[in-house]
C-alpha atoms as a PDB file:
ATOM      1  CA  MET A   1       0.000   0.000   0.000  1.00  0.00           C
ATOM      2  CA  SER A   2       1.307   3.420  -0.879  1.00  0.00           C
ATOM      3  CA  SER A   3       0.627   6.308   1.407  1.00  0.00           C
ATOM      4  CA  VAL A   4      -0.557   9.670   0.192  1.00  0.00           C
ATOM      5  CA  SER A   5       2.099  12.365   0.111  1.00  0.00           C
ATOM      6  CA  PRO A   6       1.173  15.336   2.330  1.00  0.00           C
ATOM      7  CA  ASN A   7       2.207  17.694  -0.488  1.00  0.00           C
ATOM      8  CA  SER A   8      -0.094  16.133  -3.092  1.00  0.00           C
ATOM      9  CA  ILE A   9      -3.602  17.435  -3.700  1.00  0.00           C
ATOM     10  CA  PHE A  10      -5.101  14.383  -1.972  1.00  0.00           C
ATOM     11  CA  GLY A  11      -2.787  14.814   0.994  1.00  0.00           C
ATOM     12  CA  LEU A  12      -3.767  18.465   1.300  1.00  0.00           C
ATOM     13  CA  LEU A  13      -7.461  17.572   1.110  1.00  0.00           C
ATOM     14  CA  LYS A  14      -7.019  14.841   3.706  1.00  0.00           C
ATOM     15  CA  ASN A  15      -5.182  17.199   6.060  1.00  0.00           C
ATOM     16  CA  ASN A  16      -7.754  19.965   5.544  1.00  0.00           C
ATOM     17  CA  LEU A  17     -10.902  17.858   5.591  1.00  0.00           C
ATOM     18  CA  TYR A  18     -12.761  20.019   8.109  1.00  0.00           C
ATOM     19  CA  THR A  19     -11.558  23.389   6.830  1.00  0.00           C
ATOM     20  CA  ILE A  20     -12.020  22.908   3.080  1.00  0.00           C
ATOM     21  CA  VAL A  21     -13.939  19.783   2.100  1.00  0.00           C
ATOM     22  CA  LEU A  22     -16.729  19.967   4.678  1.00  0.00           C
ATOM     23  CA  PRO A  23     -17.522  23.692   4.066  1.00  0.00           C
ATOM     24  CA  LEU A  24     -17.637  23.032   0.313  1.00  0.00           C
ATOM     25  CA  ILE A  25     -20.065  20.157   0.835  1.00  0.00           C
ATOM     26  CA  VAL A  26     -22.237  22.333   3.085  1.00  0.00           C
ATOM     27  CA  ALA A  27     -22.117  25.178   0.544  1.00  0.00           C
ATOM     28  CA  ALA A  28     -23.114  22.845  -2.296  1.00  0.00           C
ATOM     29  CA  PHE A  29     -26.032  21.482  -0.275  1.00  0.00           C
ATOM     30  CA  VAL A  30     -27.230  24.953   0.718  1.00  0.00           C
ATOM     31  CA  TRP A  31     -26.992  26.314  -2.843  1.00  0.00           C
ATOM     32  CA  MET A  32     -28.840  23.226  -4.102  1.00  0.00           C
ATOM     33  CA  ALA A  33     -31.597  23.866  -1.554  1.00  0.00           C
ATOM     34  CA  VAL A  34     -31.973  27.439  -2.857  1.00  0.00           C
ATOM     35  CA  GLY A  35     -32.459  26.036  -6.344  1.00  0.00           C
ATOM     36  CA  VAL A  36     -35.058  23.577  -5.085  1.00  0.00           C
ATOM     37  CA  LEU A  37     -36.916  26.391  -3.333  1.00  0.00           C
ATOM     38  CA  ASP A  38     -36.893  28.403  -6.555  1.00  0.00           C
ATOM     39  CA  ASN A  39     -38.160  25.537  -8.695  1.00  0.00           C
ATOM     40  CA  GLU A  40     -40.572  23.752  -6.380  1.00  0.00           C
ATOM     41  CA  CYS A  41     -42.179  26.554  -4.387  1.00  0.00           C
ATOM     42  CA  ARG A  42     -43.564  28.701  -7.187  1.00  0.00           C
ATOM     43  CA  LYS A  43     -47.056  28.829  -5.661  1.00  0.00           C
ATOM     44  CA  SER A  44     -45.608  29.671  -2.260  1.00  0.00           C
ATOM     45  CA  THR A  45     -43.380  32.532  -3.388  1.00  0.00           C
ATOM     46  CA  GLN A  46     -45.582  34.942  -1.456  1.00  0.00           C
ATOM     47  CA  SER A  47     -45.108  32.927   1.740  1.00  0.00           C
ATOM     48  CA  ASP A  48     -42.963  34.679   4.343  1.00  0.00           C
ATOM     49  CA  SER A  49     -41.561  31.405   5.639  1.00  0.00           C
ATOM     50  CA  VAL A  50     -40.363  30.348   2.173  1.00  0.00           C
ATOM     51  CA  LYS A  51     -38.744  33.763   1.661  1.00  0.00           C
ATOM     52  CA  PHE A  52     -37.041  33.539   5.060  1.00  0.00           C
ATOM     53  CA  VAL A  53     -35.719  30.018   4.445  1.00  0.00           C
ATOM     54  CA  LYS A  54     -34.473  31.009   0.991  1.00  0.00           C
ATOM     55  CA  ARG A  55     -32.654  34.075   2.370  1.00  0.00           C
ATOM     56  CA  ALA A  56     -31.178  32.012   5.218  1.00  0.00           C
ATOM     57  CA  HIS A  57     -29.892  29.422   2.737  1.00  0.00           C
ATOM     58  CA  ILE A  58     -28.347  32.152   0.590  1.00  0.00           C
ATOM     59  CA  ILE A  59     -26.607  33.720   3.608  1.00  0.00           C
ATOM     60  CA  PHE A  60     -25.257  30.370   4.840  1.00  0.00           C
ATOM     61  CA  GLY A  61     -24.172  29.481   1.302  1.00  0.00           C
ATOM     62  CA  ILE A  62     -22.218  32.725   0.997  1.00  0.00           C
ATOM     63  CA  ILE A  63     -20.601  32.286   4.422  1.00  0.00           C
ATOM     64  CA  SER A  64     -19.539  28.669   3.846  1.00  0.00           C
ATOM     65  CA  THR A  65     -18.261  29.439   0.331  1.00  0.00           C
ATOM     66  CA  ILE A  66     -16.150  32.357   1.581  1.00  0.00           C
ATOM     67  CA  TYR A  67     -14.834  30.288   4.498  1.00  0.00           C
ATOM     68  CA  ALA A  68     -13.756  27.469   2.184  1.00  0.00           C
ATOM     69  CA  ALA A  69     -12.230  29.917  -0.322  1.00  0.00           C
ATOM     70  CA  LEU A  70     -10.148  31.613   2.380  1.00  0.00           C
ATOM     71  CA  ASN A  71      -8.898  28.240   3.607  1.00  0.00           C
ATOM     72  CA  ILE A  72      -7.972  27.244   0.059  1.00  0.00           C
ATOM     73  CA  LEU A  73      -6.041  30.501  -0.323  1.00  0.00           C
ATOM     74  CA  LYS A  74      -4.156  29.741   2.908  1.00  0.00           C
ATOM     75  CA  LEU A  75      -2.607  26.681   1.257  1.00  0.00           C
ATOM     76  CA  HIS A  76      -0.432  28.852  -1.017  1.00  0.00           C
ATOM     77  CA  PRO A  77       2.268  31.157   0.408  1.00  0.00           C
ATOM     78  CA  ALA A  78       0.954  34.160  -1.542  1.00  0.00           C
ATOM     79  CA  GLY A  79      -2.565  33.322  -0.387  1.00  0.00           C
ATOM     80  CA  ARG A  80      -1.400  33.278   3.231  1.00  0.00           C
ATOM     81  CA  LYS A  81      -0.226  36.871   2.833  1.00  0.00           C
ATOM     82  CA  ILE A  82      -3.560  37.902   1.249  1.00  0.00           C
ATOM     83  CA  VAL A  83      -5.630  36.153   3.935  1.00  0.00           C
ATOM     84  CA  GLY A  84      -3.319  37.477   6.647  1.00  0.00           C
ATOM     85  CA  ASN A  85      -4.012  41.029   5.482  1.00  0.00           C
ATOM     86  CA  ILE A  86      -7.764  40.403   5.421  1.00  0.00           C
ATOM     87  CA  MET A  87      -7.991  38.734   8.804  1.00  0.00           C
END
């Protein structure tokens, strides 16, 4: 059995499972839910609860996408400088 090199893309993903992979999965799920709300709830578009849930999904999708993007940038030395200046 060969082990995965920590410097390979799979090694980086394995080492950053909770900071990159999981937020991307959450973001994909949340963005998919927004699409389902758009397509399936046409008759309920006037409903306040549907509007609230849709806005909440959009906000959580934006937050998880930005979080994952910042953690991806941290993997590169130039990205660390950019993220360091932001945070």
